[in-house]
Amino acid sequence: MLEAQGLVRDARVLDLYAGTGALGLEALSRGAAHATFVESARGALVALRANVAALRVASRVIVVEAAVERADAKLAAGAPFDLVLVDPPYADVAGPAKRAVEQLVAAGRLASDGLLVLEHASRDAAPPLALLTHVRTRVYGDTTLAFYEMDSPPGRIALP
């Protein structure tokens, strides 16, 4: 869906709560220029690094081994990101994940014309995020994707 909208090609992608890296690696396979992955779980990091090696994309990847809540300083060099993919544990969406995302956005890690995609449980509403406007939602059974853009400065109109 993002590729069809021209949002992936040559993008700098940030994959938060990366797990095995499926989202960011998919973006790379569809033409993203670079992906930064943030993950703290040992098992997931082993799988993520193995996937990066198997796909031979190490030159286009940075793996940040840290909790998302403590990763901001390590992301400065790669920022701003054109596309931020956020797939936190559903129980954390309205609490720790929301705060971490808001901190990263406030620090300038999302490009002014970038897009943030947050995965959450369909039974829950998409959380409001400071500095971001919720522009659309896609529901896939128990999973929902909420799409956010930077708040519109004067003269800029956010598209639905």
N, C-alpha and C. Protein backbone atom coordinates (compact mmCIF):
# COMPACT_ATOMS: atom_id res chain seq x y z
N MET A 1 0.83 -1.19 0.00
CA MET A 1 0.00 0.00 0.00
C MET A 1 0.87 1.26 0.00
N LEU A 2 1.92 1.28 0.82
CA LEU A 2 2.80 2.44 0.89
C LEU A 2 3.61 2.60 -0.39
N GLU A 3 4.00 1.48 -0.95
CA GLU A 3 4.75 1.52 -2.21
C GLU A 3 3.89 2.12 -3.32
N ALA A 4 2.64 1.74 -3.38
CA ALA A 4 1.73 2.25 -4.41
C ALA A 4 1.55 3.76 -4.31
N GLN A 5 1.72 4.30 -3.12
CA GLN A 5 1.59 5.75 -2.91
C GLN A 5 2.92 6.47 -3.10
N GLY A 6 3.96 5.74 -3.48
CA GLY A 6 5.26 6.35 -3.72
C GLY A 6 5.99 6.75 -2.44
N LEU A 7 5.67 6.09 -1.33
CA LEU A 7 6.25 6.48 -0.05
C LEU A 7 7.44 5.64 0.38
N VAL A 8 7.80 4.63 -0.41
CA VAL A 8 8.88 3.73 -0.01
C VAL A 8 10.16 3.97 -0.81
N ARG A 9 10.04 4.15 -2.12
CA ARG A 9 11.24 4.28 -2.96
C ARG A 9 12.15 5.39 -2.44
N ASP A 10 13.41 5.03 -2.22
CA ASP A 10 14.47 5.93 -1.76
C ASP A 10 14.24 6.49 -0.35
N ALA A 11 13.29 5.94 0.38
CA ALA A 11 12.98 6.44 1.73
C ALA A 11 14.03 5.99 2.74
N ARG A 12 14.17 6.81 3.76
CA ARG A 12 14.93 6.45 4.96
C ARG A 12 13.89 5.96 5.96
N VAL A 13 13.99 4.69 6.33
CA VAL A 13 12.96 4.03 7.14
C VAL A 13 13.48 3.76 8.55
N LEU A 14 12.61 4.00 9.52
CA LEU A 14 12.89 3.67 10.92
C LEU A 14 11.86 2.64 11.34
N ASP A 15 12.33 1.48 11.77
CA ASP A 15 11.47 0.38 12.21
C ASP A 15 11.63 0.24 13.72
N LEU A 16 10.63 0.74 14.47
CA LEU A 16 10.65 0.70 15.93
C LEU A 16 9.96 -0.56 16.43
N TYR A 17 10.51 -1.15 17.48
CA TYR A 17 10.02 -2.44 17.98
C TYR A 17 10.14 -3.43 16.83
N ALA A 18 11.31 -3.50 16.25
CA ALA A 18 11.54 -4.17 14.97
C ALA A 18 11.32 -5.67 14.99
N GLY A 19 11.51 -6.32 16.12
CA GLY A 19 11.38 -7.78 16.11
C GLY A 19 12.36 -8.39 15.14
N THR A 20 11.90 -9.21 14.23
CA THR A 20 12.76 -9.86 13.25
C THR A 20 13.10 -8.96 12.07
N GLY A 21 12.53 -7.76 12.05
CA GLY A 21 12.82 -6.81 10.99
C GLY A 21 11.92 -6.89 9.79
N ALA A 22 10.84 -7.62 9.88
CA ALA A 22 9.98 -7.86 8.71
C ALA A 22 9.51 -6.57 8.03
N LEU A 23 9.09 -5.58 8.80
CA LEU A 23 8.56 -4.35 8.19
C LEU A 23 9.66 -3.57 7.47
N GLY A 24 10.76 -3.32 8.13
CA GLY A 24 11.84 -2.56 7.51
C GLY A 24 12.49 -3.30 6.36
N LEU A 25 12.64 -4.60 6.50
CA LEU A 25 13.22 -5.39 5.40
C LEU A 25 12.30 -5.41 4.19
N GLU A 26 11.00 -5.44 4.43
CA GLU A 26 10.05 -5.35 3.31
C GLU A 26 10.19 -4.00 2.61
N ALA A 27 10.36 -2.94 3.39
CA ALA A 27 10.56 -1.61 2.78
C ALA A 27 11.83 -1.60 1.93
N LEU A 28 12.90 -2.20 2.43
CA LEU A 28 14.14 -2.27 1.64
C LEU A 28 13.92 -3.04 0.34
N SER A 29 13.16 -4.13 0.42
CA SER A 29 12.92 -4.93 -0.78
C SER A 29 12.08 -4.19 -1.81
N ARG A 30 11.39 -3.16 -1.35
CA ARG A 30 10.54 -2.36 -2.24
C ARG A 30 11.17 -1.02 -2.61
N GLY A 31 12.47 -0.89 -2.35
CA GLY A 31 13.19 0.27 -2.85
C GLY A 31 13.60 1.33 -1.84
N ALA A 32 13.36 1.11 -0.56
CA ALA A 32 13.83 2.07 0.44
C ALA A 32 15.35 2.14 0.36
N ALA A 33 15.89 3.32 0.59
CA ALA A 33 17.34 3.51 0.51
C ALA A 33 18.06 2.95 1.73
N HIS A 34 17.43 3.05 2.89
CA HIS A 34 18.10 2.69 4.14
C HIS A 34 17.06 2.36 5.19
N ALA A 35 17.40 1.46 6.11
CA ALA A 35 16.51 1.15 7.23
C ALA A 35 17.30 1.08 8.51
N THR A 36 16.75 1.69 9.54
CA THR A 36 17.30 1.61 10.89
C THR A 36 16.30 0.84 11.73
N PHE A 37 16.78 -0.17 12.43
CA PHE A 37 15.93 -1.04 13.24
C PHE A 37 16.25 -0.81 14.71
N VAL A 38 15.22 -0.70 15.54
CA VAL A 38 15.41 -0.57 16.98
C VAL A 38 14.73 -1.74 17.65
N GLU A 39 15.51 -2.51 18.39
CA GLU A 39 14.99 -3.70 19.08
C GLU A 39 15.86 -3.96 20.31
N SER A 40 15.25 -4.50 21.36
CA SER A 40 16.00 -4.79 22.58
C SER A 40 16.01 -6.26 22.97
N ALA A 41 15.08 -7.05 22.47
CA ALA A 41 14.98 -8.47 22.85
C ALA A 41 16.08 -9.28 22.17
N ARG A 42 16.83 -10.02 22.96
CA ARG A 42 17.97 -10.79 22.45
C ARG A 42 17.59 -11.73 21.30
N GLY A 43 16.54 -12.52 21.50
CA GLY A 43 16.13 -13.48 20.47
C GLY A 43 15.75 -12.80 19.17
N ALA A 44 15.03 -11.70 19.29
CA ALA A 44 14.64 -10.95 18.09
C ALA A 44 15.85 -10.37 17.39
N LEU A 45 16.81 -9.88 18.15
CA LEU A 45 18.03 -9.32 17.56
C LEU A 45 18.82 -10.37 16.79
N VAL A 46 18.90 -11.57 17.33
CA VAL A 46 19.59 -12.66 16.63
C VAL A 46 18.89 -12.92 15.29
N ALA A 47 17.56 -13.02 15.31
CA ALA A 47 16.81 -13.26 14.08
C ALA A 47 16.93 -12.09 13.11
N LEU A 48 16.87 -10.88 13.63
CA LEU A 48 16.99 -9.68 12.78
C LEU A 48 18.34 -9.66 12.07
N ARG A 49 19.40 -9.88 12.81
CA ARG A 49 20.74 -9.87 12.19
C ARG A 49 20.90 -11.00 11.18
N ALA A 50 20.32 -12.15 11.46
CA ALA A 50 20.37 -13.27 10.51
C ALA A 50 19.60 -12.91 9.23
N ASN A 51 18.46 -12.27 9.39
CA ASN A 51 17.67 -11.87 8.21
C ASN A 51 18.40 -10.83 7.38
N VAL A 52 19.04 -9.87 8.03
CA VAL A 52 19.82 -8.85 7.31
C VAL A 52 20.94 -9.52 6.53
N ALA A 53 21.64 -10.46 7.17
CA ALA A 53 22.74 -11.16 6.49
C ALA A 53 22.22 -12.00 5.32
N ALA A 54 21.13 -12.73 5.55
CA ALA A 54 20.58 -13.61 4.50
C ALA A 54 20.14 -12.81 3.28
N LEU A 55 19.62 -11.60 3.52
CA LEU A 55 19.15 -10.77 2.41
C LEU A 55 20.25 -9.90 1.82
N ARG A 56 21.43 -9.93 2.41
CA ARG A 56 22.60 -9.18 1.93
C ARG A 56 22.31 -7.69 1.81
N VAL A 57 21.73 -7.11 2.87
CA VAL A 57 21.40 -5.69 2.87
C VAL A 57 22.13 -4.93 3.98
N ALA A 58 23.15 -5.54 4.55
CA ALA A 58 23.84 -4.93 5.70
C ALA A 58 24.36 -3.53 5.40
N SER A 59 24.73 -3.25 4.17
CA SER A 59 25.26 -1.92 3.83
C SER A 59 24.17 -0.84 3.88
N ARG A 60 22.92 -1.26 3.92
CA ARG A 60 21.80 -0.31 3.93
C ARG A 60 21.04 -0.35 5.25
N VAL A 61 21.66 -0.93 6.27
CA VAL A 61 20.97 -1.18 7.54
C VAL A 61 21.81 -0.74 8.73
N ILE A 62 21.13 -0.20 9.73
CA ILE A 62 21.71 0.01 11.06
C ILE A 62 20.79 -0.68 12.04
N VAL A 63 21.35 -1.48 12.94
CA VAL A 63 20.58 -2.12 13.99
C VAL A 63 20.96 -1.45 15.31
N VAL A 64 19.97 -0.85 15.95
CA VAL A 64 20.18 -0.20 17.24
C VAL A 64 19.64 -1.16 18.30
N GLU A 65 20.57 -1.65 19.12
CA GLU A 65 20.20 -2.57 20.18
C GLU A 65 19.88 -1.75 21.42
N ALA A 66 18.61 -1.44 21.59
CA ALA A 66 18.17 -0.61 22.71
C ALA A 66 16.65 -0.65 22.80
N ALA A 67 16.15 -0.33 23.97
CA ALA A 67 14.71 -0.13 24.10
C ALA A 67 14.36 1.14 23.34
N VAL A 68 13.23 1.15 22.70
CA VAL A 68 12.81 2.31 21.92
C VAL A 68 12.83 3.56 22.79
N GLU A 69 12.42 3.42 24.04
CA GLU A 69 12.35 4.56 24.96
C GLU A 69 13.72 5.20 25.23
N ARG A 70 14.80 4.45 24.95
CA ARG A 70 16.15 4.96 25.21
C ARG A 70 17.02 5.04 23.95
N ALA A 71 16.40 5.02 22.80
CA ALA A 71 17.16 4.94 21.54
C ALA A 71 17.39 6.28 20.87
N ASP A 72 16.75 7.35 21.33
CA ASP A 72 16.76 8.62 20.60
C ASP A 72 18.15 9.11 20.21
N ALA A 73 19.07 9.14 21.14
CA ALA A 73 20.41 9.67 20.84
C ALA A 73 21.10 8.85 19.75
N LYS A 74 20.82 7.57 19.70
CA LYS A 74 21.44 6.70 18.70
C LYS A 74 20.80 6.85 17.32
N LEU A 75 19.69 7.57 17.24
CA LEU A 75 18.99 7.74 15.96
C LEU A 75 19.31 9.05 15.27
N ALA A 76 19.97 9.95 15.97
CA ALA A 76 20.21 11.29 15.44
C ALA A 76 20.94 11.27 14.10
N ALA A 77 21.94 10.41 13.95
CA ALA A 77 22.74 10.39 12.72
C ALA A 77 21.93 10.00 11.50
N GLY A 78 20.91 9.15 11.66
CA GLY A 78 20.12 8.70 10.52
C GLY A 78 18.89 9.55 10.24
N ALA A 79 18.60 10.46 11.13
CA ALA A 79 17.37 11.27 11.02
C ALA A 79 17.58 12.45 10.09
N PRO A 80 16.51 13.00 9.57
CA PRO A 80 15.13 12.58 9.79
C PRO A 80 14.76 11.41 8.88
N PHE A 81 13.79 10.65 9.35
CA PHE A 81 13.31 9.48 8.61
C PHE A 81 12.05 9.85 7.84
N ASP A 82 11.94 9.33 6.62
CA ASP A 82 10.78 9.58 5.78
C ASP A 82 9.58 8.73 6.18
N LEU A 83 9.88 7.54 6.69
CA LEU A 83 8.84 6.58 7.04
C LEU A 83 9.22 5.93 8.36
N VAL A 84 8.34 6.04 9.35
CA VAL A 84 8.56 5.42 10.66
C VAL A 84 7.48 4.37 10.86
N LEU A 85 7.91 3.13 11.07
CA LEU A 85 7.01 1.99 11.26
C LEU A 85 7.09 1.58 12.72
N VAL A 86 5.95 1.57 13.39
CA VAL A 86 5.91 1.32 14.84
C VAL A 86 4.99 0.14 15.10
N ASP A 87 5.56 -0.96 15.63
CA ASP A 87 4.79 -2.17 15.92
C ASP A 87 5.07 -2.61 17.35
N PRO A 88 4.59 -1.83 18.33
CA PRO A 88 4.87 -2.15 19.73
C PRO A 88 3.96 -3.26 20.25
N PRO A 89 4.30 -3.82 21.42
CA PRO A 89 3.33 -4.71 22.06
C PRO A 89 2.02 -3.92 22.24
N TYR A 90 0.92 -4.53 21.90
CA TYR A 90 -0.36 -3.80 21.93
C TYR A 90 -0.65 -3.20 23.30
N ALA A 91 -0.23 -3.85 24.37
CA ALA A 91 -0.48 -3.33 25.71
C ALA A 91 0.26 -2.02 25.97
N ASP A 92 1.30 -1.74 25.19
CA ASP A 92 2.12 -0.54 25.38
C ASP A 92 1.72 0.64 24.50
N VAL A 93 0.80 0.44 23.57
CA VAL A 93 0.49 1.47 22.57
C VAL A 93 0.11 2.80 23.21
N ALA A 94 -0.80 2.79 24.16
CA ALA A 94 -1.29 4.04 24.75
C ALA A 94 -0.39 4.58 25.85
N GLY A 95 0.62 3.84 26.26
CA GLY A 95 1.49 4.26 27.35
C GLY A 95 2.92 4.47 26.89
N PRO A 96 3.80 3.50 27.18
CA PRO A 96 5.23 3.67 26.86
C PRO A 96 5.52 3.92 25.38
N ALA A 97 4.84 3.21 24.50
CA ALA A 97 5.10 3.41 23.06
C ALA A 97 4.67 4.80 22.62
N LYS A 98 3.53 5.25 23.08
CA LYS A 98 3.05 6.60 22.75
C LYS A 98 4.06 7.65 23.19
N ARG A 99 4.53 7.54 24.41
CA ARG A 99 5.52 8.52 24.92
C ARG A 99 6.82 8.47 24.13
N ALA A 100 7.28 7.26 23.80
CA ALA A 100 8.53 7.13 23.05
C ALA A 100 8.40 7.73 21.66
N VAL A 101 7.29 7.48 20.99
CA VAL A 101 7.07 8.04 19.65
C VAL A 101 7.00 9.56 19.72
N GLU A 102 6.26 10.08 20.68
CA GLU A 102 6.16 11.54 20.82
C GLU A 102 7.53 12.17 21.08
N GLN A 103 8.36 11.51 21.88
CA GLN A 103 9.71 12.01 22.15
C GLN A 103 10.54 12.04 20.87
N LEU A 104 10.46 10.98 20.08
CA LEU A 104 11.23 10.91 18.84
C LEU A 104 10.77 11.97 17.84
N VAL A 105 9.48 12.17 17.74
CA VAL A 105 8.95 13.18 16.82
C VAL A 105 9.37 14.57 17.28
N ALA A 106 9.26 14.84 18.57
CA ALA A 106 9.66 16.15 19.11
C ALA A 106 11.15 16.41 18.88
N ALA A 107 11.95 15.35 18.85
CA ALA A 107 13.39 15.49 18.63
C ALA A 107 13.74 15.64 17.15
N GLY A 108 12.73 15.62 16.27
CA GLY A 108 12.99 15.83 14.85
C GLY A 108 13.37 14.58 14.08
N ARG A 109 13.03 13.41 14.60
CA ARG A 109 13.41 12.17 13.93
C ARG A 109 12.50 11.82 12.75
N LEU A 110 11.31 12.42 12.66
CA LEU A 110 10.42 12.22 11.52
C LEU A 110 10.53 13.44 10.62
N ALA A 111 10.76 13.20 9.34
CA ALA A 111 10.85 14.30 8.37
C ALA A 111 9.54 15.09 8.37
N SER A 112 9.62 16.37 8.06
CA SER A 112 8.42 17.22 8.09
C SER A 112 7.34 16.73 7.12
N ASP A 113 7.74 16.03 6.06
CA ASP A 113 6.77 15.47 5.12
C ASP A 113 6.69 13.96 5.23
N GLY A 114 7.18 13.44 6.36
CA GLY A 114 7.21 12.00 6.57
C GLY A 114 5.89 11.42 7.03
N LEU A 115 5.87 10.09 7.11
CA LEU A 115 4.68 9.35 7.53
C LEU A 115 5.07 8.40 8.64
N LEU A 116 4.22 8.33 9.66
CA LEU A 116 4.40 7.38 10.76
C LEU A 116 3.22 6.42 10.72
N VAL A 117 3.50 5.12 10.76
CA VAL A 117 2.47 4.09 10.74
C VAL A 117 2.57 3.32 12.04
N LEU A 118 1.48 3.32 12.81
CA LEU A 118 1.41 2.66 14.11
C LEU A 118 0.45 1.49 14.05
N GLU A 119 0.94 0.30 14.39
CA GLU A 119 0.09 -0.87 14.46
C GLU A 119 -0.47 -0.99 15.87
N HIS A 120 -1.78 -1.27 15.95
CA HIS A 120 -2.40 -1.46 17.26
C HIS A 120 -3.58 -2.42 17.14
N ALA A 121 -4.10 -2.85 18.28
CA ALA A 121 -5.23 -3.77 18.29
C ALA A 121 -6.47 -3.05 17.77
N SER A 122 -7.24 -3.73 16.96
CA SER A 122 -8.45 -3.13 16.38
C SER A 122 -9.48 -2.77 17.45
N ARG A 123 -9.45 -3.45 18.58
CA ARG A 123 -10.41 -3.14 19.65
C ARG A 123 -10.12 -1.80 20.31
N ASP A 124 -8.92 -1.25 20.09
CA ASP A 124 -8.52 0.02 20.69
C ASP A 124 -8.52 1.13 19.64
N ALA A 125 -8.82 2.33 20.08
CA ALA A 125 -8.75 3.49 19.18
C ALA A 125 -7.29 3.87 18.97
N ALA A 126 -7.03 4.47 17.83
CA ALA A 126 -5.68 4.99 17.57
C ALA A 126 -5.40 6.10 18.56
N PRO A 127 -4.25 6.08 19.22
CA PRO A 127 -3.98 7.12 20.21
C PRO A 127 -3.65 8.45 19.55
N PRO A 128 -4.05 9.55 20.15
CA PRO A 128 -3.59 10.84 19.65
C PRO A 128 -2.10 10.96 19.96
N LEU A 129 -1.34 11.50 19.04
CA LEU A 129 0.10 11.66 19.22
C LEU A 129 0.45 13.13 19.06
N ALA A 130 1.16 13.67 20.04
CA ALA A 130 1.57 15.08 19.99
C ALA A 130 2.36 15.35 18.73
N LEU A 131 2.11 16.48 18.11
CA LEU A 131 2.78 16.97 16.90
C LEU A 131 2.39 16.23 15.63
N LEU A 132 1.50 15.25 15.75
CA LEU A 132 1.09 14.46 14.60
C LEU A 132 -0.42 14.52 14.41
N THR A 133 -0.84 14.39 13.16
CA THR A 133 -2.25 14.33 12.82
C THR A 133 -2.56 12.93 12.30
N HIS A 134 -3.57 12.30 12.89
CA HIS A 134 -4.02 10.99 12.44
C HIS A 134 -4.79 11.21 11.14
N VAL A 135 -4.28 10.67 10.02
CA VAL A 135 -4.87 10.97 8.71
C VAL A 135 -5.70 9.84 8.11
N ARG A 136 -5.44 8.60 8.52
CA ARG A 136 -6.26 7.50 8.01
C ARG A 136 -6.00 6.23 8.82
N THR A 137 -6.89 5.27 8.63
CA THR A 137 -6.83 4.00 9.34
C THR A 137 -7.14 2.88 8.37
N ARG A 138 -6.45 1.76 8.53
CA ARG A 138 -6.75 0.55 7.77
C ARG A 138 -6.90 -0.59 8.78
N VAL A 139 -8.01 -1.32 8.70
CA VAL A 139 -8.28 -2.41 9.62
C VAL A 139 -8.08 -3.73 8.90
N TYR A 140 -7.34 -4.63 9.55
CA TYR A 140 -7.09 -5.97 9.03
C TYR A 140 -7.42 -6.96 10.14
N GLY A 141 -8.68 -7.27 10.32
CA GLY A 141 -9.09 -8.19 11.38
C GLY A 141 -8.81 -7.60 12.75
N ASP A 142 -7.99 -8.30 13.53
CA ASP A 142 -7.65 -7.86 14.89
C ASP A 142 -6.58 -6.77 14.92
N THR A 143 -6.00 -6.47 13.76
CA THR A 143 -4.91 -5.50 13.67
C THR A 143 -5.37 -4.26 12.91
N THR A 144 -4.97 -3.11 13.41
CA THR A 144 -5.27 -1.84 12.74
C THR A 144 -3.98 -1.07 12.52
N LEU A 145 -3.87 -0.44 11.37
CA LEU A 145 -2.76 0.46 11.08
C LEU A 145 -3.30 1.88 11.11
N ALA A 146 -2.67 2.71 11.93
CA ALA A 146 -3.03 4.13 12.02
C ALA A 146 -1.91 4.93 11.36
N PHE A 147 -2.26 5.83 10.47
CA PHE A 147 -1.30 6.62 9.71
C PHE A 147 -1.31 8.05 10.23
N TYR A 148 -0.12 8.59 10.46
CA TYR A 148 0.02 9.93 11.02
C TYR A 148 1.00 10.74 10.16
N GLU A 149 0.70 12.02 10.03
CA GLU A 149 1.61 12.97 9.39
C GLU A 149 1.90 14.07 10.39
N MET A 150 2.96 14.81 10.14
CA MET A 150 3.27 15.95 11.00
C MET A 150 2.11 16.93 10.96
N ASP A 151 1.84 17.58 12.09
CA ASP A 151 0.80 18.62 12.12
C ASP A 151 1.08 19.61 11.00
N SER A 152 0.02 20.07 10.39
CA SER A 152 0.16 21.00 9.27
C SER A 152 0.54 22.40 9.75
N PRO A 153 1.69 22.89 9.29
CA PRO A 153 2.00 24.29 9.58
C PRO A 153 1.08 25.17 8.75
N PRO A 154 0.98 26.46 9.06
CA PRO A 154 0.13 27.34 8.26
C PRO A 154 0.48 27.23 6.78
N GLY A 155 -0.55 27.11 5.95
CA GLY A 155 -0.33 27.04 4.50
C GLY A 155 -0.20 25.65 3.97
N ARG A 156 -0.10 24.67 4.83
CA ARG A 156 0.02 23.27 4.36
C ARG A 156 -1.26 22.55 4.72
N ILE A 157 -1.78 21.78 3.79
CA ILE A 157 -3.01 21.04 4.02
C ILE A 157 -2.68 19.55 4.06
N ALA A 158 -3.07 18.90 5.14
CA ALA A 158 -2.87 17.45 5.24
C ALA A 158 -3.88 16.75 4.35
N LEU A 159 -3.41 15.76 3.61
CA LEU A 159 -4.30 15.03 2.71
C LEU A 159 -4.88 13.82 3.43
N PRO A 160 -6.13 13.46 3.13
CA PRO A 160 -6.75 12.30 3.78
C PRO A 160 -6.14 11.00 3.32
